[in-house]
Amino acid sequence: VAAKLKIYRPEIVVRPAVDRFRVLDFFDA
């Protein structure tokens, strides 16, 4: 994603603050 954004950046990029969750943390919905 970082490499793609260097080539072209969409008008709006949203990054919700969810980095602390793991891939399978679905029960933490």
PDB file of all heavy atoms in Angstrom:
ATOM      1  N   VAL A   1       0.832  -1.204   0.000  1.00  0.00           N
ATOM      2  CA  VAL A   1       0.000   0.000   0.000  1.00  0.00           C
ATOM      3  C   VAL A   1       0.867   1.255   0.000  1.00  0.00           C
ATOM      4  O   VAL A   1       0.604   2.213  -0.744  1.00  0.00           O
ATOM      5  CB  VAL A   1      -0.948   0.000   1.216  1.00  0.00           C
ATOM      6  CG1 VAL A   1      -1.660   1.352   1.346  1.00  0.00           C
ATOM      7  CG2 VAL A   1      -1.974  -1.127   1.089  1.00  0.00           C
ATOM      8  N   ALA A   2       1.918   1.269   0.818  1.00  0.00           N
ATOM      9  CA  ALA A   2       2.801   2.437   0.878  1.00  0.00           C
ATOM     10  C   ALA A   2       3.447   2.706  -0.480  1.00  0.00           C
ATOM     11  O   ALA A   2       3.561   3.869  -0.909  1.00  0.00           O
ATOM     12  CB  ALA A   2       3.877   2.224   1.941  1.00  0.00           C
ATOM     13  N   ALA A   3       3.872   1.640  -1.161  1.00  0.00           N
ATOM     14  CA  ALA A   3       4.486   1.807  -2.480  1.00  0.00           C
ATOM     15  C   ALA A   3       3.482   2.346  -3.495  1.00  0.00           C
ATOM     16  O   ALA A   3       3.808   3.210  -4.322  1.00  0.00           O
ATOM     17  CB  ALA A   3       5.058   0.470  -2.955  1.00  0.00           C
ATOM     18  N   LYS A   4       2.232   1.856  -3.438  1.00  0.00           N
ATOM     19  CA  LYS A   4       1.197   2.334  -4.359  1.00  0.00           C
ATOM     20  C   LYS A   4       0.870   3.805  -4.125  1.00  0.00           C
ATOM     21  O   LYS A   4       0.642   4.561  -5.065  1.00  0.00           O
ATOM     22  CB  LYS A   4      -0.064   1.487  -4.195  1.00  0.00           C
ATOM     23  CG  LYS A   4       0.038   0.074  -4.748  1.00  0.00           C
ATOM     24  CD  LYS A   4      -1.217  -0.711  -4.451  1.00  0.00           C
ATOM     25  CE  LYS A   4      -2.443  -0.048  -5.024  1.00  0.00           C
ATOM     26  NZ  LYS A   4      -3.676  -0.799  -4.764  1.00  0.00           N
ATOM     27  N   LEU A   5       0.841   4.206  -2.853  1.00  0.00           N
ATOM     28  CA  LEU A   5       0.500   5.593  -2.533  1.00  0.00           C
ATOM     29  C   LEU A   5       1.572   6.575  -2.996  1.00  0.00           C
ATOM     30  O   LEU A   5       1.286   7.760  -3.189  1.00  0.00           O
ATOM     31  CB  LEU A   5       0.271   5.744  -1.030  1.00  0.00           C
ATOM     32  CG  LEU A   5      -1.018   5.101  -0.498  1.00  0.00           C
ATOM     33  CD1 LEU A   5      -1.046   5.149   1.016  1.00  0.00           C
ATOM     34  CD2 LEU A   5      -2.251   5.783  -1.077  1.00  0.00           C
ATOM     35  N   LYS A   6       2.797   6.107  -3.179  1.00  0.00           N
ATOM     36  CA  LYS A   6       3.853   6.973  -3.707  1.00  0.00           C
ATOM     37  C   LYS A   6       3.635   7.269  -5.190  1.00  0.00           C
ATOM     38  O   LYS A   6       4.059   8.298  -5.703  1.00  0.00           O
ATOM     39  CB  LYS A   6       5.225   6.329  -3.507  1.00  0.00           C
ATOM     40  CG  LYS A   6       5.684   6.294  -2.055  1.00  0.00           C
ATOM     41  CD  LYS A   6       7.055   5.652  -1.944  1.00  0.00           C
ATOM     42  CE  LYS A   6       7.531   5.620  -0.492  1.00  0.00           C
ATOM     43  NZ  LYS A   6       8.848   4.943  -0.373  1.00  0.00           N
ATOM     44  N   ILE A   7       2.974   6.342  -5.870  1.00  0.00           N
ATOM     45  CA  ILE A   7       2.713   6.500  -7.304  1.00  0.00           C
ATOM     46  C   ILE A   7       1.449   7.316  -7.549  1.00  0.00           C
ATOM     47  O   ILE A   7       1.408   8.186  -8.418  1.00  0.00           O
ATOM     48  CB  ILE A   7       2.604   5.117  -7.968  1.00  0.00           C
ATOM     49  CG1 ILE A   7       3.914   4.336  -7.797  1.00  0.00           C
ATOM     50  CG2 ILE A   7       2.246   5.249  -9.446  1.00  0.00           C
ATOM     51  CD1 ILE A   7       3.817   2.885  -8.216  1.00  0.00           C
ATOM     52  N   TYR A   8       0.429   7.016  -6.763  1.00  0.00           N
ATOM     53  CA  TYR A   8      -0.852   7.731  -6.914  1.00  0.00           C
ATOM     54  C   TYR A   8      -1.538   7.748  -5.558  1.00  0.00           C
ATOM     55  O   TYR A   8      -1.663   6.707  -4.905  1.00  0.00           O
ATOM     56  CB  TYR A   8      -1.749   7.033  -7.939  1.00  0.00           C
ATOM     57  CG  TYR A   8      -3.079   7.727  -8.145  1.00  0.00           C
ATOM     58  CD1 TYR A   8      -3.235   8.683  -9.143  1.00  0.00           C
ATOM     59  CD2 TYR A   8      -4.170   7.434  -7.326  1.00  0.00           C
ATOM     60  CE1 TYR A   8      -4.450   9.334  -9.332  1.00  0.00           C
ATOM     61  CE2 TYR A   8      -5.387   8.082  -7.503  1.00  0.00           C
ATOM     62  CZ  TYR A   8      -5.514   9.033  -8.501  1.00  0.00           C
ATOM     63  OH  TYR A   8      -6.713   9.678  -8.683  1.00  0.00           O
ATOM     64  N   ARG A   9      -1.978   8.925  -5.144  1.00  0.00           N
ATOM     65  CA  ARG A   9      -2.674   9.037  -3.867  1.00  0.00           C
ATOM     66  C   ARG A   9      -4.122   9.451  -4.096  1.00  0.00           C
ATOM     67  O   ARG A   9      -4.385  10.499  -4.698  1.00  0.00           O
ATOM     68  CB  ARG A   9      -1.984  10.045  -2.950  1.00  0.00           C
ATOM     69  CG  ARG A   9      -2.543  10.035  -1.526  1.00  0.00           C
ATOM     70  CD  ARG A   9      -1.757  10.922  -0.592  1.00  0.00           C
ATOM     71  NE  ARG A   9      -2.237  10.783   0.763  1.00  0.00           N
ATOM     72  CZ  ARG A   9      -1.823   9.854   1.624  1.00  0.00           C
ATOM     73  NH1 ARG A   9      -0.889   8.991   1.244  1.00  0.00           N
ATOM     74  NH2 ARG A   9      -2.320   9.771   2.852  1.00  0.00           N
ATOM     75  N   PRO A  10      -5.083   8.659  -3.629  1.00  0.00           N
ATOM     76  CA  PRO A  10      -6.489   9.041  -3.762  1.00  0.00           C
ATOM     77  C   PRO A  10      -6.766  10.368  -3.049  1.00  0.00           C
ATOM     78  O   PRO A  10      -6.023  10.779  -2.150  1.00  0.00           O
ATOM     79  CB  PRO A  10      -7.231   7.888  -3.072  1.00  0.00           C
ATOM     80  CG  PRO A  10      -6.275   6.742  -3.096  1.00  0.00           C
ATOM     81  CD  PRO A  10      -4.915   7.345  -2.982  1.00  0.00           C
ATOM     82  N   GLU A  11      -7.842  11.006  -3.448  1.00  0.00           N
ATOM     83  CA  GLU A  11      -8.199  12.284  -2.840  1.00  0.00           C
ATOM     84  C   GLU A  11      -8.430  12.155  -1.344  1.00  0.00           C
ATOM     85  O   GLU A  11      -8.085  13.052  -0.569  1.00  0.00           O
ATOM     86  CB  GLU A  11      -9.464  12.848  -3.521  1.00  0.00           C
ATOM     87  CG  GLU A  11      -9.246  13.405  -4.919  1.00  0.00           C
ATOM     88  CD  GLU A  11      -9.126  12.329  -5.979  1.00  0.00           C
ATOM     89  OE1 GLU A  11      -9.378  11.126  -5.684  1.00  0.00           O
ATOM     90  OE2 GLU A  11      -8.780  12.678  -7.123  1.00  0.00           O
ATOM     91  N   ILE A  12      -9.035  11.050  -0.917  1.00  0.00           N
ATOM     92  CA  ILE A  12      -9.300  10.842   0.508  1.00  0.00           C
ATOM     93  C   ILE A  12      -8.798   9.457   0.911  1.00  0.00           C
ATOM     94  O   ILE A  12      -9.210   8.447   0.332  1.00  0.00           O
ATOM     95  CB  ILE A  12     -10.804  10.957   0.824  1.00  0.00           C
ATOM     96  CG1 ILE A  12     -11.335  12.342   0.427  1.00  0.00           C
ATOM     97  CG2 ILE A  12     -11.066  10.690   2.308  1.00  0.00           C
ATOM     98  CD1 ILE A  12     -12.842  12.500   0.618  1.00  0.00           C
ATOM     99  N   VAL A  13      -7.907   9.418   1.888  1.00  0.00           N
ATOM    100  CA  VAL A  13      -7.425   8.158   2.451  1.00  0.00           C
ATOM    101  C   VAL A  13      -7.823   8.137   3.926  1.00  0.00           C
ATOM    102  O   VAL A  13      -7.439   9.017   4.689  1.00  0.00           O
ATOM    103  CB  VAL A  13      -5.902   8.007   2.315  1.00  0.00           C
ATOM    104  CG1 VAL A  13      -5.436   6.695   2.965  1.00  0.00           C
ATOM    105  CG2 VAL A  13      -5.478   8.051   0.844  1.00  0.00           C
ATOM    106  N   VAL A  14      -8.597   7.142   4.294  1.00  0.00           N
ATOM    107  CA  VAL A  14      -9.073   7.008   5.676  1.00  0.00           C
ATOM    108  C   VAL A  14      -8.318   5.863   6.336  1.00  0.00           C
ATOM    109  O   VAL A  14      -8.271   4.763   5.800  1.00  0.00           O
ATOM    110  CB  VAL A  14     -10.591   6.724   5.708  1.00  0.00           C
ATOM    111  CG1 VAL A  14     -11.092   6.636   7.144  1.00  0.00           C
ATOM    112  CG2 VAL A  14     -11.361   7.776   4.930  1.00  0.00           C
ATOM    113  N   ARG A  15      -7.767   6.145   7.522  1.00  0.00           N
ATOM    114  CA  ARG A  15      -7.042   5.115   8.270  1.00  0.00           C
ATOM    115  C   ARG A  15      -7.612   5.038   9.696  1.00  0.00           C
ATOM    116  O   ARG A  15      -7.133   5.722  10.601  1.00  0.00           O
ATOM    117  CB  ARG A  15      -5.544   5.418   8.305  1.00  0.00           C
ATOM    118  CG  ARG A  15      -4.831   5.190   6.984  1.00  0.00           C
ATOM    119  CD  ARG A  15      -3.330   5.097   7.203  1.00  0.00           C
ATOM    120  NE  ARG A  15      -2.643   4.682   6.004  1.00  0.00           N
ATOM    121  CZ  ARG A  15      -2.004   5.505   5.171  1.00  0.00           C
ATOM    122  NH1 ARG A  15      -1.999   6.803   5.415  1.00  0.00           N
ATOM    123  NH2 ARG A  15      -1.387   5.045   4.110  1.00  0.00           N
ATOM    124  N   PRO A  16      -8.628   4.234   9.915  1.00  0.00           N
ATOM    125  CA  PRO A  16      -9.181   4.091  11.265  1.00  0.00           C
ATOM    126  C   PRO A  16      -8.111   3.584  12.237  1.00  0.00           C
ATOM    127  O   PRO A  16      -7.213   2.821  11.852  1.00  0.00           O
ATOM    128  CB  PRO A  16     -10.293   3.053  11.084  1.00  0.00           C
ATOM    129  CG  PRO A  16     -10.631   3.104   9.627  1.00  0.00           C
ATOM    130  CD  PRO A  16      -9.344   3.399   8.930  1.00  0.00           C
ATOM    131  N   ALA A  17      -8.207   3.987  13.483  1.00  0.00           N
ATOM    132  CA  ALA A  17      -7.192   3.647  14.489  1.00  0.00           C
ATOM    133  C   ALA A  17      -7.435   2.250  15.058  1.00  0.00           C
ATOM    134  O   ALA A  17      -7.862   2.081  16.212  1.00  0.00           O
ATOM    135  CB  ALA A  17      -7.205   4.687  15.599  1.00  0.00           C
ATOM    136  N   VAL A  18      -7.158   1.230  14.236  1.00  0.00           N
ATOM    137  CA  VAL A  18      -7.443  -0.149  14.651  1.00  0.00           C
ATOM    138  C   VAL A  18      -6.192  -1.035  14.628  1.00  0.00           C
ATOM    139  O   VAL A  18      -6.300  -2.263  14.619  1.00  0.00           O
ATOM    140  CB  VAL A  18      -8.542  -0.762  13.749  1.00  0.00           C
ATOM    141  CG1 VAL A  18      -9.883  -0.092  14.012  1.00  0.00           C
ATOM    142  CG2 VAL A  18      -8.177  -0.653  12.269  1.00  0.00           C
ATOM    143  N   ASP A  19      -5.019  -0.418  14.645  1.00  0.00           N
ATOM    144  CA  ASP A  19      -3.779  -1.189  14.544  1.00  0.00           C
ATOM    145  C   ASP A  19      -3.556  -2.151  15.705  1.00  0.00           C
ATOM    146  O   ASP A  19      -2.793  -3.115  15.579  1.00  0.00           O
ATOM    147  CB  ASP A  19      -2.571  -0.248  14.447  1.00  0.00           C
ATOM    148  CG  ASP A  19      -2.362   0.289  13.039  1.00  0.00           C
ATOM    149  OD1 ASP A  19      -3.210  -0.007  12.174  1.00  0.00           O
ATOM    150  OD2 ASP A  19      -1.375   1.008  12.806  1.00  0.00           O
ATOM    151  N   ARG A  20      -4.185  -1.909  16.844  1.00  0.00           N
ATOM    152  CA  ARG A  20      -3.931  -2.767  18.007  1.00  0.00           C
ATOM    153  C   ARG A  20      -4.652  -4.114  17.932  1.00  0.00           C
ATOM    154  O   ARG A  20      -4.422  -4.995  18.764  1.00  0.00           O
ATOM    155  CB  ARG A  20      -4.327  -2.058  19.299  1.00  0.00           C
ATOM    156  CG  ARG A  20      -5.801  -1.757  19.472  1.00  0.00           C
ATOM    157  CD  ARG A  20      -6.020  -0.925  20.725  1.00  0.00           C
ATOM    158  NE  ARG A  20      -7.383  -0.496  20.906  1.00  0.00           N
ATOM    159  CZ  ARG A  20      -8.300  -1.185  21.594  1.00  0.00           C
ATOM    160  NH1 ARG A  20      -7.979  -2.358  22.121  1.00  0.00           N
ATOM    161  NH2 ARG A  20      -9.523  -0.712  21.745  1.00  0.00           N
ATOM    162  N   PHE A  21      -5.512  -4.277  16.924  1.00  0.00           N
ATOM    163  CA  PHE A  21      -6.265  -5.514  16.803  1.00  0.00           C
ATOM    164  C   PHE A  21      -5.568  -6.485  15.844  1.00  0.00           C
ATOM    165  O   PHE A  21      -4.932  -6.079  14.884  1.00  0.00           O
ATOM    166  CB  PHE A  21      -7.681  -5.225  16.314  1.00  0.00           C
ATOM    167  CG  PHE A  21      -8.459  -4.365  17.262  1.00  0.00           C
ATOM    168  CD1 PHE A  21      -8.573  -2.996  17.038  1.00  0.00           C
ATOM    169  CD2 PHE A  21      -9.057  -4.912  18.391  1.00  0.00           C
ATOM    170  CE1 PHE A  21      -9.281  -2.191  17.917  1.00  0.00           C
ATOM    171  CE2 PHE A  21      -9.762  -4.116  19.276  1.00  0.00           C
ATOM    172  CZ  PHE A  21      -9.865  -2.749  19.040  1.00  0.00           C
ATOM    173  N   ARG A  22      -5.729  -7.766  16.125  1.00  0.00           N
ATOM    174  CA  ARG A  22      -5.123  -8.806  15.299  1.00  0.00           C
ATOM    175  C   ARG A  22      -6.071  -9.238  14.180  1.00  0.00           C
ATOM    176  O   ARG A  22      -7.266  -8.926  14.207  1.00  0.00           O
ATOM    177  CB  ARG A  22      -4.746 -10.008  16.159  1.00  0.00           C
ATOM    178  CG  ARG A  22      -3.705  -9.712  17.233  1.00  0.00           C
ATOM    179  CD  ARG A  22      -3.466 -10.906  18.118  1.00  0.00           C
ATOM    180  NE  ARG A  22      -4.680 -11.277  18.836  1.00  0.00           N
ATOM    181  CZ  ARG A  22      -4.785 -12.332  19.647  1.00  0.00           C
ATOM    182  NH1 ARG A  22      -3.735 -13.132  19.847  1.00  0.00           N
ATOM    183  NH2 ARG A  22      -5.910 -12.592  20.263  1.00  0.00           N
ATOM    184  N   VAL A  23      -5.528  -9.971  13.227  1.00  0.00           N
ATOM    185  CA  VAL A  23      -6.283 -10.375  12.036  1.00  0.00           C
ATOM    186  C   VAL A  23      -7.559 -11.131  12.392  1.00  0.00           C
ATOM    187  O   VAL A  23      -8.600 -10.935  11.760  1.00  0.00           O
ATOM    188  CB  VAL A  23      -5.393 -11.230  11.106  1.00  0.00           C
ATOM    189  CG1 VAL A  23      -6.216 -11.892  10.005  1.00  0.00           C
ATOM    190  CG2 VAL A  23      -4.302 -10.373  10.494  1.00  0.00           C
ATOM    191  N   LEU A  24      -7.504 -11.997  13.404  1.00  0.00           N
ATOM    192  CA  LEU A  24      -8.650 -12.842  13.729  1.00  0.00           C
ATOM    193  C   LEU A  24      -9.417 -12.372  14.964  1.00  0.00           C
ATOM    194  O   LEU A  24     -10.180 -13.146  15.552  1.00  0.00           O
ATOM    195  CB  LEU A  24      -8.190 -14.296  13.918  1.00  0.00           C
ATOM    196  CG  LEU A  24      -7.572 -14.963  12.689  1.00  0.00           C
ATOM    197  CD1 LEU A  24      -7.219 -16.413  12.992  1.00  0.00           C
ATOM    198  CD2 LEU A  24      -8.505 -14.890  11.479  1.00  0.00           C
ATOM    199  N   ASP A  25      -9.269 -11.121  15.343  1.00  0.00           N
ATOM    200  CA  ASP A  25      -9.961 -10.593  16.531  1.00  0.00           C
ATOM    201  C   ASP A  25     -11.417 -10.213  16.234  1.00  0.00           C
ATOM    202  O   ASP A  25     -11.903  -9.163  16.667  1.00  0.00           O
ATOM    203  CB  ASP A  25      -9.218  -9.365  17.075  1.00  0.00           C
ATOM    204  CG  ASP A  25      -8.012  -9.739  17.912  1.00  0.00           C
ATOM    205  OD1 ASP A  25      -7.881 -10.923  18.273  1.00  0.00           O
ATOM    206  OD2 ASP A  25      -7.192  -8.847  18.203  1.00  0.00           O
ATOM    207  N   PHE A  26     -12.129 -11.073  15.539  1.00  0.00           N
ATOM    208  CA  PHE A  26     -13.501 -10.741  15.155  1.00  0.00           C
ATOM    209  C   PHE A  26     -14.444 -10.655  16.354  1.00  0.00           C
ATOM    210  O   PHE A  26     -15.437  -9.927  16.304  1.00  0.00           O
ATOM    211  CB  PHE A  26     -14.028 -11.760  14.144  1.00  0.00           C
ATOM    212  CG  PHE A  26     -13.466 -11.582  12.766  1.00  0.00           C
ATOM    213  CD1 PHE A  26     -12.384 -12.333  12.337  1.00  0.00           C
ATOM    214  CD2 PHE A  26     -14.009 -10.649  11.898  1.00  0.00           C
ATOM    215  CE1 PHE A  26     -11.857 -12.159  11.066  1.00  0.00           C
ATOM    216  CE2 PHE A  26     -13.494 -10.464  10.628  1.00  0.00           C
ATOM    217  CZ  PHE A  26     -12.410 -11.226  10.206  1.00  0.00           C
ATOM    218  N   PHE A  27     -14.131 -11.374  17.424  1.00  0.00           N
ATOM    219  CA  PHE A  27     -14.990 -11.302  18.598  1.00  0.00           C
ATOM    220  C   PHE A  27     -14.833  -9.978  19.346  1.00  0.00           C
ATOM    221  O   PHE A  27     -15.591  -9.702  20.282  1.00  0.00           O
ATOM    222  CB  PHE A  27     -14.719 -12.481  19.536  1.00  0.00           C
ATOM    223  CG  PHE A  27     -15.188 -13.806  18.992  1.00  0.00           C
ATOM    224  CD1 PHE A  27     -14.358 -14.907  18.981  1.00  0.00           C
ATOM    225  CD2 PHE A  27     -16.471 -13.943  18.463  1.00  0.00           C
ATOM    226  CE1 PHE A  27     -14.786 -16.129  18.481  1.00  0.00           C
ATOM    227  CE2 PHE A  27     -16.917 -15.157  17.956  1.00  0.00           C
ATOM    228  CZ  PHE A  27     -16.068 -16.250  17.964  1.00  0.00           C
ATOM    229  N   ASP A  28     -13.872  -9.168  18.934  1.00  0.00           N
ATOM    230  CA  ASP A  28     -13.710  -7.822  19.493  1.00  0.00           C
ATOM    231  C   ASP A  28     -14.416  -6.784  18.619  1.00  0.00           C
ATOM    232  O   ASP A  28     -14.007  -5.622  18.557  1.00  0.00           O
ATOM    233  CB  ASP A  28     -12.226  -7.463  19.606  1.00  0.00           C
ATOM    234  CG  ASP A  28     -11.526  -8.249  20.704  1.00  0.00           C
ATOM    235  OD1 ASP A  28     -12.212  -8.666  21.654  1.00  0.00           O
ATOM    236  OD2 ASP A  28     -10.300  -8.442  20.615  1.00  0.00           O
ATOM    237  N   ALA A  29     -15.487  -7.197  17.947  1.00  0.00           N
ATOM    238  CA  ALA A  29     -16.166  -6.330  16.979  1.00  0.00           C
ATOM    239  C   ALA A  29     -16.561  -4.987  17.582  1.00  0.00           C
ATOM    240  O   ALA A  29     -16.336  -3.934  16.981  1.00  0.00           O
ATOM    241  CB  ALA A  29     -17.405  -7.038  16.420  1.00  0.00           C
TER     242      ALA A  29
END
